[in-house]
Amino acid sequence: MQNDVLDLIAKRHCKRAFLNKPVPRHLLEAVLRAAANAPSSQNNQPWRVAVLSGKPRDELSAKLIRAFEAGEPPQADYLNRPQQMDALLAARTQEYGKRVLAFKGILREDQEARRRHRRENFLFFGAPVEMIFHLPANAAQGTFLDLGFFMQNVMIGLSACGLGSCPQYSVASYASTVRDHLCLGEDAMVIAGMAVGYIDLVAPINRFVPPRADLEEYVAWFDQ
């Protein structure tokens, strides 16, 4: 079955190396406008996005790098996964970590290389645009679902426009730094960053695609 939309969804994967090439604002506006057609509870549309480029982008990156290199403990506004994970999910998480480090040629015991690997998050992988997604501080579990619909639309829309992206909990893990930089106040919950830009097609890391579970692992059919 040939379907351009399904093909676009299947081919979208996180990118971690970008070209030093500005992204036109009108392109980002078009993607964000289309993404806002995502469903939300009673059409409340809770998502908020800060789009940083140029000096504001560079200044946020510098602040995050300083916090990271000073050893400041990350303090996110929420947990992105349970502290006690299901055995299958924990195994997938561990396998992913091993695969990405191996792909980059980083040995498990090479702590300095692993630190540089983590540091790249706060450089936004060289992307010229960093989006910050946030919600009201009193967001409920369902509000996260609404934002998830919106963010997925954003990523698919970016792919359709020839752009790459990488959602980043790592950036949100320094929530206070992000909040202060954007003057959001304590009534905002920082959910995720997202590196956005034109993909560096020759960078080896952009060929890394983690395996996906087979359909049978996550779908149960009830048809009789």
C-alpha atoms as a PDB file:
ATOM      1  CA  MET A   1       0.000   0.000   0.000  1.00  0.00           C
ATOM      2  CA  GLN A   2       1.455   3.341  -1.080  1.00  0.00           C
ATOM      3  CA  ASN A   3       0.520   6.335   1.049  1.00  0.00           C
ATOM      4  CA  ASP A   4       2.576   9.514   1.233  1.00  0.00           C
ATOM      5  CA  VAL A   5       1.379  10.428   4.727  1.00  0.00           C
ATOM      6  CA  LEU A   6       2.147   6.999   6.197  1.00  0.00           C
ATOM      7  CA  ASP A   7       5.527   7.040   4.466  1.00  0.00           C
ATOM      8  CA  LEU A   8       6.310  10.448   5.981  1.00  0.00           C
ATOM      9  CA  ILE A   9       5.353   9.235   9.463  1.00  0.00           C
ATOM     10  CA  ALA A  10       7.425   6.057   9.116  1.00  0.00           C
ATOM     11  CA  LYS A  11      10.515   7.926   7.907  1.00  0.00           C
ATOM     12  CA  ARG A  12      10.478  10.598  10.618  1.00  0.00           C
ATOM     13  CA  HIS A  13      13.234  10.013  13.153  1.00  0.00           C
ATOM     14  CA  CYS A  14      15.090  12.304  15.529  1.00  0.00           C
ATOM     15  CA  LYS A  15      17.992  14.183  13.970  1.00  0.00           C
ATOM     16  CA  ARG A  16      21.051  15.247  15.947  1.00  0.00           C
ATOM     17  CA  ALA A  17      23.115  17.222  13.452  1.00  0.00           C
ATOM     18  CA  PHE A  18      21.907  20.267  11.543  1.00  0.00           C
ATOM     19  CA  LEU A  19      23.188  22.672   8.925  1.00  0.00           C
ATOM     20  CA  ASN A  20      24.113  26.225   9.839  1.00  0.00           C
ATOM     21  CA  LYS A  21      21.307  27.487   7.630  1.00  0.00           C
ATOM     22  CA  PRO A  22      18.522  29.822   8.807  1.00  0.00           C
ATOM     23  CA  VAL A  23      14.982  28.492   8.748  1.00  0.00           C
ATOM     24  CA  PRO A  24      12.523  31.015   7.252  1.00  0.00           C
ATOM     25  CA  ARG A  25      10.020  32.249   9.798  1.00  0.00           C
ATOM     26  CA  HIS A  26       7.122  31.872   7.362  1.00  0.00           C
ATOM     27  CA  LEU A  27       7.886  28.151   7.150  1.00  0.00           C
ATOM     28  CA  LEU A  28       7.788  27.744  10.930  1.00  0.00           C
ATOM     29  CA  GLU A  29       4.598  29.772  11.132  1.00  0.00           C
ATOM     30  CA  ALA A  30       2.939  27.546   8.532  1.00  0.00           C
ATOM     31  CA  VAL A  31       3.899  24.380  10.427  1.00  0.00           C
ATOM     32  CA  LEU A  32       2.784  25.709  13.814  1.00  0.00           C
ATOM     33  CA  ARG A  33      -0.466  27.018  12.389  1.00  0.00           C
ATOM     34  CA  ALA A  34      -1.288  23.652  10.817  1.00  0.00           C
ATOM     35  CA  ALA A  35      -0.199  21.769  13.962  1.00  0.00           C
ATOM     36  CA  ALA A  36      -2.754  23.706  16.015  1.00  0.00           C
ATOM     37  CA  ASN A  37      -5.470  21.600  14.398  1.00  0.00           C
ATOM     38  CA  ALA A  38      -4.477  18.884  16.878  1.00  0.00           C
ATOM     39  CA  PRO A  39      -7.331  17.655  19.090  1.00  0.00           C
ATOM     40  CA  SER A  40      -7.581  18.860  22.669  1.00  0.00           C
ATOM     41  CA  SER A  41     -10.040  18.398  25.497  1.00  0.00           C
ATOM     42  CA  GLN A  42     -13.096  20.544  24.711  1.00  0.00           C
ATOM     43  CA  ASN A  43     -10.912  22.496  22.270  1.00  0.00           C
ATOM     44  CA  ASN A  44      -9.012  24.215  25.101  1.00  0.00           C
ATOM     45  CA  GLN A  45      -5.734  24.199  23.053  1.00  0.00           C
ATOM     46  CA  PRO A  46      -3.387  24.428  26.063  1.00  0.00           C
ATOM     47  CA  TRP A  47      -0.082  24.348  24.164  1.00  0.00           C
ATOM     48  CA  ARG A  48       2.314  27.273  24.193  1.00  0.00           C
ATOM     49  CA  VAL A  49       5.536  27.526  22.189  1.00  0.00           C
ATOM     50  CA  ALA A  50       8.531  29.846  22.376  1.00  0.00           C
ATOM     51  CA  VAL A  51      10.561  29.849  19.151  1.00  0.00           C
ATOM     52  CA  LEU A  52      14.178  30.893  19.623  1.00  0.00           C
ATOM     53  CA  SER A  53      16.751  31.704  16.964  1.00  0.00           C
ATOM     54  CA  GLY A  54      19.734  34.018  16.685  1.00  0.00           C
ATOM     55  CA  LYS A  55      20.867  35.714  19.889  1.00  0.00           C
ATOM     56  CA  PRO A  56      18.019  34.469  22.161  1.00  0.00           C
ATOM     57  CA  ARG A  57      18.738  30.912  21.044  1.00  0.00           C
ATOM     58  CA  ASP A  58      22.481  31.298  21.629  1.00  0.00           C
ATOM     59  CA  GLU A  59      22.006  32.877  25.053  1.00  0.00           C
ATOM     60  CA  LEU A  60      19.740  30.065  26.246  1.00  0.00           C
ATOM     61  CA  SER A  61      22.249  27.508  25.000  1.00  0.00           C
ATOM     62  CA  ALA A  62      25.045  29.270  26.889  1.00  0.00           C
ATOM     63  CA  LYS A  63      23.008  29.311  30.118  1.00  0.00           C
ATOM     64  CA  LEU A  64      22.204  25.604  29.826  1.00  0.00           C
ATOM     65  CA  ILE A  65      25.837  24.761  29.107  1.00  0.00           C
ATOM     66  CA  ARG A  66      26.941  26.702  32.191  1.00  0.00           C
ATOM     67  CA  ALA A  67      24.421  24.886  34.374  1.00  0.00           C
ATOM     68  CA  PHE A  68      25.466  21.511  32.956  1.00  0.00           C
ATOM     69  CA  GLU A  69      29.197  22.131  33.300  1.00  0.00           C
ATOM     70  CA  ALA A  70      28.771  23.498  36.828  1.00  0.00           C
ATOM     71  CA  GLY A  71      27.203  20.205  37.796  1.00  0.00           C
ATOM     72  CA  GLU A  72      23.849  21.719  38.686  1.00  0.00           C
ATOM     73  CA  PRO A  73      21.405  18.851  39.243  1.00  0.00           C
ATOM     74  CA  PRO A  74      18.618  18.798  36.662  1.00  0.00           C
ATOM     75  CA  GLN A  75      15.221  19.664  38.114  1.00  0.00           C
ATOM     76  CA  ALA A  76      12.441  19.099  35.621  1.00  0.00           C
ATOM     77  CA  ASP A  77       8.850  20.112  36.258  1.00  0.00           C
ATOM     78  CA  TYR A  78       7.670  16.514  35.775  1.00  0.00           C
ATOM     79  CA  LEU A  79       8.920  12.944  35.333  1.00  0.00           C
ATOM     80  CA  ASN A  80       9.193  11.759  31.747  1.00  0.00           C
ATOM     81  CA  ARG A  81       9.087   8.108  32.790  1.00  0.00           C
ATOM     82  CA  PRO A  82       8.222   6.170  35.943  1.00  0.00           C
ATOM     83  CA  GLN A  83      10.976   5.581  38.464  1.00  0.00           C
ATOM     84  CA  GLN A  84      10.141   1.865  38.429  1.00  0.00           C
ATOM     85  CA  MET A  85       9.669   0.866  34.814  1.00  0.00           C
ATOM     86  CA  ASP A  86       8.054  -2.252  33.431  1.00  0.00           C
ATOM     87  CA  ALA A  87      10.797  -4.792  32.631  1.00  0.00           C
ATOM     88  CA  LEU A  88      10.145  -4.669  28.873  1.00  0.00           C
ATOM     89  CA  LEU A  89      10.214  -0.872  28.726  1.00  0.00           C
ATOM     90  CA  ALA A  90      13.325  -0.732  30.899  1.00  0.00           C
ATOM     91  CA  ALA A  91      15.052  -3.207  28.570  1.00  0.00           C
ATOM     92  CA  ARG A  92      14.186  -1.097  25.528  1.00  0.00           C
ATOM     93  CA  THR A  93      15.533   2.019  27.231  1.00  0.00           C
ATOM     94  CA  GLN A  94      18.801   0.309  28.141  1.00  0.00           C
ATOM     95  CA  GLU A  95      19.160  -1.145  24.663  1.00  0.00           C
ATOM     96  CA  TYR A  96      18.644   2.270  23.098  1.00  0.00           C
ATOM     97  CA  GLY A  97      21.379   3.780  25.276  1.00  0.00           C
ATOM     98  CA  LYS A  98      23.798   1.038  24.313  1.00  0.00           C
ATOM     99  CA  ARG A  99      23.009   1.338  20.620  1.00  0.00           C
ATOM    100  CA  VAL A 100      23.383   5.102  20.327  1.00  0.00           C
ATOM    101  CA  LEU A 101      26.695   5.113  22.211  1.00  0.00           C
ATOM    102  CA  ALA A 102      27.995   2.220  20.129  1.00  0.00           C
ATOM    103  CA  PHE A 103      26.902   3.960  16.936  1.00  0.00           C
ATOM    104  CA  LYS A 104      28.966   6.994  17.961  1.00  0.00           C
ATOM    105  CA  GLY A 105      31.909   4.809  18.959  1.00  0.00           C
ATOM    106  CA  ILE A 106      31.665   5.753  22.630  1.00  0.00           C
ATOM    107  CA  LEU A 107      32.796   3.103  25.077  1.00  0.00           C
ATOM    108  CA  ARG A 108      30.631   2.549  28.129  1.00  0.00           C
ATOM    109  CA  GLU A 109      33.529   3.306  30.489  1.00  0.00           C
ATOM    110  CA  ASP A 110      34.539   6.512  28.649  1.00  0.00           C
ATOM    111  CA  GLN A 111      32.867   8.979  30.984  1.00  0.00           C
ATOM    112  CA  GLU A 112      34.306  12.068  29.287  1.00  0.00           C
ATOM    113  CA  ALA A 113      32.963  11.039  25.873  1.00  0.00           C
ATOM    114  CA  ARG A 114      29.588  10.254  27.410  1.00  0.00           C
ATOM    115  CA  ARG A 115      29.584  13.693  29.011  1.00  0.00           C
ATOM    116  CA  ARG A 116      30.295  15.339  25.649  1.00  0.00           C
ATOM    117  CA  HIS A 117      27.464  13.269  24.196  1.00  0.00           C
ATOM    118  CA  ARG A 118      25.031  14.666  26.796  1.00  0.00           C
ATOM    119  CA  ARG A 119      26.415  18.188  26.362  1.00  0.00           C
ATOM    120  CA  GLU A 120      25.338  18.219  22.706  1.00  0.00           C
ATOM    121  CA  ASN A 121      21.732  18.459  23.883  1.00  0.00           C
ATOM    122  CA  PHE A 122      22.386  21.936  25.256  1.00  0.00           C
ATOM    123  CA  LEU A 123      23.994  23.035  22.009  1.00  0.00           C
ATOM    124  CA  PHE A 124      20.705  21.962  20.412  1.00  0.00           C
ATOM    125  CA  PHE A 125      22.797  19.721  18.131  1.00  0.00           C
ATOM    126  CA  GLY A 126      23.726  22.806  16.138  1.00  0.00           C
ATOM    127  CA  ALA A 127      20.131  23.481  15.092  1.00  0.00           C
ATOM    128  CA  PRO A 128      19.487  27.178  14.344  1.00  0.00           C
ATOM    129  CA  VAL A 129      16.037  27.038  15.949  1.00  0.00           C
ATOM    130  CA  GLU A 130      15.052  25.789  19.387  1.00  0.00           C
ATOM    131  CA  MET A 131      11.389  25.510  20.306  1.00  0.00           C
ATOM    132  CA  ILE A 132      10.303  25.400  23.940  1.00  0.00           C
ATOM    133  CA  PHE A 133       6.918  23.824  24.633  1.00  0.00           C
ATOM    134  CA  HIS A 134       5.175  24.683  27.864  1.00  0.00           C
ATOM    135  CA  LEU A 135       1.844  24.295  29.616  1.00  0.00           C
ATOM    136  CA  PRO A 136       0.048  25.952  32.531  1.00  0.00           C
ATOM    137  CA  ALA A 137       1.632  24.937  35.831  1.00  0.00           C
ATOM    138  CA  ASN A 138      -1.579  23.161  36.902  1.00  0.00           C
ATOM    139  CA  ALA A 139      -1.617  20.937  33.816  1.00  0.00           C
ATOM    140  CA  ALA A 140      -3.315  17.572  34.340  1.00  0.00           C
ATOM    141  CA  GLN A 141      -2.377  14.254  32.760  1.00  0.00           C
ATOM    142  CA  GLY A 142      -4.835  14.829  29.922  1.00  0.00           C
ATOM    143  CA  THR A 143      -3.190  18.162  29.158  1.00  0.00           C
ATOM    144  CA  PHE A 144       0.022  16.292  28.349  1.00  0.00           C
ATOM    145  CA  LEU A 145      -1.967  14.200  25.883  1.00  0.00           C
ATOM    146  CA  ASP A 146      -3.194  17.357  24.156  1.00  0.00           C
ATOM    147  CA  LEU A 147       0.347  18.735  23.901  1.00  0.00           C
ATOM    148  CA  GLY A 148       1.571  15.379  22.603  1.00  0.00           C
ATOM    149  CA  PHE A 149      -0.895  15.545  19.718  1.00  0.00           C
ATOM    150  CA  PHE A 150       0.302  19.062  18.931  1.00  0.00           C
ATOM    151  CA  MET A 151       4.016  18.234  19.120  1.00  0.00           C
ATOM    152  CA  GLN A 152       3.622  15.211  16.866  1.00  0.00           C
ATOM    153  CA  ASN A 153       1.852  17.424  14.329  1.00  0.00           C
ATOM    154  CA  VAL A 154       4.746  19.871  14.550  1.00  0.00           C
ATOM    155  CA  MET A 155       7.346  17.163  13.902  1.00  0.00           C
ATOM    156  CA  ILE A 156       5.432  15.662  10.974  1.00  0.00           C
ATOM    157  CA  GLY A 157       4.825  19.140   9.565  1.00  0.00           C
ATOM    158  CA  LEU A 158       8.522  19.958   9.798  1.00  0.00           C
ATOM    159  CA  SER A 159       9.374  16.722   7.993  1.00  0.00           C
ATOM    160  CA  ALA A 160       6.911  17.593   5.239  1.00  0.00           C
ATOM    161  CA  CYS A 161       8.760  20.900   4.779  1.00  0.00           C
ATOM    162  CA  GLY A 162      12.162  19.241   4.500  1.00  0.00           C
ATOM    163  CA  LEU A 163      13.222  20.018   8.065  1.00  0.00           C
ATOM    164  CA  GLY A 164      14.437  17.781  10.860  1.00  0.00           C
ATOM    165  CA  SER A 165      13.704  17.890  14.573  1.00  0.00           C
ATOM    166  CA  CYS A 166      14.568  16.331  17.896  1.00  0.00           C
ATOM    167  CA  PRO A 167      12.329  16.694  20.971  1.00  0.00           C
ATOM    168  CA  GLN A 168      14.417  17.246  24.116  1.00  0.00           C
ATOM    169  CA  TYR A 169      13.447  16.414  27.681  1.00  0.00           C
ATOM    170  CA  SER A 170      17.070  17.202  28.520  1.00  0.00           C
ATOM    171  CA  VAL A 171      16.430  20.904  27.919  1.00  0.00           C
ATOM    172  CA  ALA A 172      13.249  20.817  30.010  1.00  0.00           C
ATOM    173  CA  SER A 173      15.213  19.194  32.829  1.00  0.00           C
ATOM    174  CA  TYR A 174      16.695  22.641  33.546  1.00  0.00           C
ATOM    175  CA  ALA A 175      13.223  24.103  33.829  1.00  0.00           C
ATOM    176  CA  SER A 176      14.115  27.083  36.015  1.00  0.00           C
ATOM    177  CA  THR A 177      16.851  28.180  33.622  1.00  0.00           C
ATOM    178  CA  VAL A 178      14.470  27.983  30.683  1.00  0.00           C
ATOM    179  CA  ARG A 179      11.673  29.716  32.570  1.00  0.00           C
ATOM    180  CA  ASP A 180      13.926  32.576  33.662  1.00  0.00           C
ATOM    181  CA  HIS A 181      15.308  33.055  30.165  1.00  0.00           C
ATOM    182  CA  LEU A 182      11.815  33.270  28.663  1.00  0.00           C
ATOM    183  CA  CYS A 183      10.356  35.268  31.590  1.00  0.00           C
ATOM    184  CA  LEU A 184       7.590  32.694  31.897  1.00  0.00           C
ATOM    185  CA  GLY A 185       7.025  32.857  35.645  1.00  0.00           C
ATOM    186  CA  GLU A 186       6.133  30.030  37.991  1.00  0.00           C
ATOM    187  CA  ASP A 187       2.696  29.618  36.399  1.00  0.00           C
ATOM    188  CA  ALA A 188       4.286  27.825  33.429  1.00  0.00           C
ATOM    189  CA  MET A 189       5.432  24.199  33.266  1.00  0.00           C
ATOM    190  CA  VAL A 190       8.322  23.565  30.877  1.00  0.00           C
ATOM    191  CA  ILE A 191       7.613  20.347  28.976  1.00  0.00           C
ATOM    192  CA  ALA A 192      10.189  19.972  26.208  1.00  0.00           C
ATOM    193  CA  GLY A 193      12.652  21.633  23.938  1.00  0.00           C
ATOM    194  CA  MET A 194      12.833  20.787  20.254  1.00  0.00           C
ATOM    195  CA  ALA A 195      15.843  21.327  18.014  1.00  0.00           C
ATOM    196  CA  VAL A 196      14.732  22.323  14.512  1.00  0.00           C
ATOM    197  CA  GLY A 197      16.644  22.900  11.317  1.00  0.00           C
ATOM    198  CA  TYR A 198      17.799  21.620   7.970  1.00  0.00           C
ATOM    199  CA  ILE A 199      19.293  18.147   8.317  1.00  0.00           C
ATOM    200  CA  ASP A 200      23.014  17.584   7.869  1.00  0.00           C
ATOM    201  CA  LEU A 201      22.725  14.655   5.483  1.00  0.00           C
ATOM    202  CA  VAL A 202      26.417  13.679   5.722  1.00  0.00           C
ATOM    203  CA  ALA A 203      26.566  13.531   9.538  1.00  0.00           C
ATOM    204  CA  PRO A 204      26.782   9.848  10.548  1.00  0.00           C
ATOM    205  CA  ILE A 205      24.546  10.294  13.626  1.00  0.00           C
ATOM    206  CA  ASN A 206      21.611  11.144  11.394  1.00  0.00           C
ATOM    207  CA  ARG A 207      21.738   7.628  10.016  1.00  0.00           C
ATOM    208  CA  PHE A 208      21.045   6.211  13.457  1.00  0.00           C
ATOM    209  CA  VAL A 209      17.524   4.782  13.623  1.00  0.00           C
ATOM    210  CA  PRO A 210      16.580   2.808  16.745  1.00  0.00           C
ATOM    211  CA  PRO A 211      14.577  -0.378  16.197  1.00  0.00           C
ATOM    212  CA  ARG A 212      10.818  -0.326  16.619  1.00  0.00           C
ATOM    213  CA  ALA A 213       8.685  -2.995  18.229  1.00  0.00           C
ATOM    214  CA  ASP A 214       6.737  -5.329  15.966  1.00  0.00           C
ATOM    215  CA  LEU A 215       3.024  -4.645  15.625  1.00  0.00           C
ATOM    216  CA  GLU A 216       2.206  -7.774  17.608  1.00  0.00           C
ATOM    217  CA  GLU A 217       4.047  -6.387  20.642  1.00  0.00           C
ATOM    218  CA  TYR A 218       1.733  -3.420  21.126  1.00  0.00           C
ATOM    219  CA  VAL A 219      -1.553  -4.205  19.364  1.00  0.00           C
ATOM    220  CA  ALA A 220      -4.328  -6.552  20.497  1.00  0.00           C
ATOM    221  CA  TRP A 221      -7.176  -7.240  18.072  1.00  0.00           C
ATOM    222  CA  PHE A 222     -10.717  -7.800  19.336  1.00  0.00           C
ATOM    223  CA  ASP A 223     -12.751  -8.596  16.221  1.00  0.00           C
ATOM    224  CA  GLN A 224     -14.686 -11.774  16.996  1.00  0.00           C
END
